[in-house]
Amino acid sequence: MGPGGIATIIAASALIPISLAIGYAIVRVGRLIDEVQKTLKSVNRIVSTAENFTEKVTGSITGLVEKNAGLLKIIGSLIGALAGKKFGRSEREHE
């Protein structure tokens, strides 16, 4: 066997650990990607649930406002009037 044959064997032997390290890195990156995908699926489920909940609450509030619009206007006016009286008294007391 000549010097070229021995050099080829040495080079091939040196490439084995490098190829094993690259293969290990690929496996680890694949597992990391799988974990990220699982996390994203969980986040998507949470966001979807929150969106559904928000839609239900918004629908309920909208229905309440539509059914009781007059009553809510009266309550708002009363609260505004009471708040105005309260602020008026406190300003007079400071003078």
C-alpha atoms as a PDB file:
ATOM      1  CA  MET A   1       0.000   0.000   0.000  1.00  0.00           C
ATOM      2  CA  GLY A   2       1.386   3.390  -0.963  1.00  0.00           C
ATOM      3  CA  PRO A   3       1.425   6.655   0.913  1.00  0.00           C
ATOM      4  CA  GLY A   4      -1.809   7.766  -0.813  1.00  0.00           C
ATOM      5  CA  GLY A   5      -3.692   4.731   0.488  1.00  0.00           C
ATOM      6  CA  ILE A   6      -2.621   5.315   4.067  1.00  0.00           C
ATOM      7  CA  ALA A   7      -3.570   8.999   3.844  1.00  0.00           C
ATOM      8  CA  THR A   8      -6.998   8.006   2.535  1.00  0.00           C
ATOM      9  CA  ILE A   9      -7.545   5.649   5.477  1.00  0.00           C
ATOM     10  CA  ILE A  10      -6.489   8.339   7.965  1.00  0.00           C
ATOM     11  CA  ALA A  11      -8.777  10.924   6.346  1.00  0.00           C
ATOM     12  CA  ALA A  12     -11.712   8.518   6.358  1.00  0.00           C
ATOM     13  CA  SER A  13     -11.077   7.668  10.018  1.00  0.00           C
ATOM     14  CA  ALA A  14     -11.018  11.372  10.903  1.00  0.00           C
ATOM     15  CA  LEU A  15     -14.327  11.953   9.114  1.00  0.00           C
ATOM     16  CA  ILE A  16     -16.173   9.303  11.155  1.00  0.00           C
ATOM     17  CA  PRO A  17     -16.354  11.346  14.417  1.00  0.00           C
ATOM     18  CA  ILE A  18     -17.221  14.466  12.442  1.00  0.00           C
ATOM     19  CA  SER A  19     -20.102  12.698  10.703  1.00  0.00           C
ATOM     20  CA  LEU A  20     -21.322  11.277  14.030  1.00  0.00           C
ATOM     21  CA  ALA A  21     -21.249  14.772  15.582  1.00  0.00           C
ATOM     22  CA  ILE A  22     -23.193  16.222  12.651  1.00  0.00           C
ATOM     23  CA  GLY A  23     -25.760  13.418  12.888  1.00  0.00           C
ATOM     24  CA  TYR A  24     -26.161  13.990  16.633  1.00  0.00           C
ATOM     25  CA  ALA A  25     -26.616  17.720  16.056  1.00  0.00           C
ATOM     26  CA  ILE A  26     -29.296  17.054  13.426  1.00  0.00           C
ATOM     27  CA  VAL A  27     -31.185  14.759  15.823  1.00  0.00           C
ATOM     28  CA  ARG A  28     -31.014  17.352  18.617  1.00  0.00           C
ATOM     29  CA  VAL A  29     -32.213  20.147  16.338  1.00  0.00           C
ATOM     30  CA  GLY A  30     -35.091  17.928  15.200  1.00  0.00           C
ATOM     31  CA  ARG A  31     -36.126  17.319  18.807  1.00  0.00           C
ATOM     32  CA  LEU A  32     -35.905  21.034  19.551  1.00  0.00           C
ATOM     33  CA  ILE A  33     -38.132  21.807  16.576  1.00  0.00           C
ATOM     34  CA  ASP A  34     -40.641  19.204  17.788  1.00  0.00           C
ATOM     35  CA  GLU A  35     -40.710  20.818  21.244  1.00  0.00           C
ATOM     36  CA  VAL A  36     -41.250  24.258  19.725  1.00  0.00           C
ATOM     37  CA  GLN A  37     -44.093  22.924  17.608  1.00  0.00           C
ATOM     38  CA  LYS A  38     -45.739  21.355  20.665  1.00  0.00           C
ATOM     39  CA  THR A  39     -45.410  24.649  22.518  1.00  0.00           C
ATOM     40  CA  LEU A  40     -46.882  26.573  19.595  1.00  0.00           C
ATOM     41  CA  LYS A  41     -49.819  24.170  19.425  1.00  0.00           C
ATOM     42  CA  SER A  42     -50.461  24.710  23.139  1.00  0.00           C
ATOM     43  CA  VAL A  43     -50.267  28.478  22.723  1.00  0.00           C
ATOM     44  CA  ASN A  44     -52.623  28.282  19.743  1.00  0.00           C
ATOM     45  CA  ARG A  45     -55.128  26.320  21.832  1.00  0.00           C
ATOM     46  CA  ILE A  46     -54.913  28.864  24.649  1.00  0.00           C
ATOM     47  CA  VAL A  47     -55.369  31.778  22.238  1.00  0.00           C
ATOM     48  CA  SER A  48     -58.291  30.050  20.546  1.00  0.00           C
ATOM     49  CA  THR A  49     -59.962  29.423  23.903  1.00  0.00           C
ATOM     50  CA  ALA A  50     -59.418  33.045  24.923  1.00  0.00           C
ATOM     51  CA  GLU A  51     -60.888  34.257  21.622  1.00  0.00           C
ATOM     52  CA  ASN A  52     -63.969  32.064  22.090  1.00  0.00           C
ATOM     53  CA  PHE A  53     -64.400  33.303  25.651  1.00  0.00           C
ATOM     54  CA  THR A  54     -64.034  36.933  24.535  1.00  0.00           C
ATOM     55  CA  GLU A  55     -66.607  36.441  21.791  1.00  0.00           C
ATOM     56  CA  LYS A  56     -69.078  34.951  24.285  1.00  0.00           C
ATOM     57  CA  VAL A  57     -68.560  37.786  26.782  1.00  0.00           C
ATOM     58  CA  THR A  58     -68.855  40.406  24.055  1.00  0.00           C
ATOM     59  CA  GLY A  59     -72.043  38.790  22.779  1.00  0.00           C
ATOM     60  CA  SER A  60     -73.520  38.724  26.262  1.00  0.00           C
ATOM     61  CA  ILE A  61     -72.664  42.356  26.939  1.00  0.00           C
ATOM     62  CA  THR A  62     -73.993  43.412  23.545  1.00  0.00           C
ATOM     63  CA  GLY A  63     -77.241  41.574  24.203  1.00  0.00           C
ATOM     64  CA  LEU A  64     -77.554  43.159  27.633  1.00  0.00           C
ATOM     65  CA  VAL A  65     -76.966  46.639  26.246  1.00  0.00           C
ATOM     66  CA  GLU A  66     -79.407  46.142  23.378  1.00  0.00           C
ATOM     67  CA  LYS A  67     -82.155  44.836  25.673  1.00  0.00           C
ATOM     68  CA  ASN A  68     -81.673  47.431  28.420  1.00  0.00           C
ATOM     69  CA  ALA A  69     -80.429  50.505  26.557  1.00  0.00           C
ATOM     70  CA  GLY A  70     -82.958  52.854  28.146  1.00  0.00           C
ATOM     71  CA  LEU A  71     -82.264  51.603  31.650  1.00  0.00           C
ATOM     72  CA  LEU A  72     -78.519  51.932  31.148  1.00  0.00           C
ATOM     73  CA  LYS A  73     -78.951  55.532  29.939  1.00  0.00           C
ATOM     74  CA  ILE A  74     -80.920  56.368  33.072  1.00  0.00           C
ATOM     75  CA  ILE A  75     -78.318  54.727  35.321  1.00  0.00           C
ATOM     76  CA  GLY A  76     -75.537  56.568  33.498  1.00  0.00           C
ATOM     77  CA  SER A  77     -77.326  59.871  33.923  1.00  0.00           C
ATOM     78  CA  LEU A  78     -77.835  59.249  37.632  1.00  0.00           C
ATOM     79  CA  ILE A  79     -74.175  58.334  38.120  1.00  0.00           C
ATOM     80  CA  GLY A  80     -73.143  61.430  36.205  1.00  0.00           C
ATOM     81  CA  ALA A  81     -75.407  63.611  38.292  1.00  0.00           C
ATOM     82  CA  LEU A  82     -74.138  62.118  41.555  1.00  0.00           C
ATOM     83  CA  ALA A  83     -70.534  62.500  40.447  1.00  0.00           C
ATOM     84  CA  GLY A  84     -71.184  66.125  39.482  1.00  0.00           C
ATOM     85  CA  LYS A  85     -72.676  66.907  42.895  1.00  0.00           C
ATOM     86  CA  LYS A  86     -69.785  65.239  44.677  1.00  0.00           C
ATOM     87  CA  PHE A  87     -67.185  67.168  42.692  1.00  0.00           C
ATOM     88  CA  GLY A  88     -69.124  70.403  43.158  1.00  0.00           C
ATOM     89  CA  ARG A  89     -69.157  70.029  46.943  1.00  0.00           C
ATOM     90  CA  SER A  90     -65.466  69.234  47.199  1.00  0.00           C
ATOM     91  CA  GLU A  91     -64.524  72.288  45.119  1.00  0.00           C
ATOM     92  CA  ARG A  92     -66.656  74.584  47.282  1.00  0.00           C
ATOM     93  CA  GLU A  93     -65.177  73.201  50.485  1.00  0.00           C
ATOM     94  CA  HIS A  94     -61.644  73.987  49.307  1.00  0.00           C
ATOM     95  CA  GLU A  95     -62.485  77.654  48.559  1.00  0.00           C
END
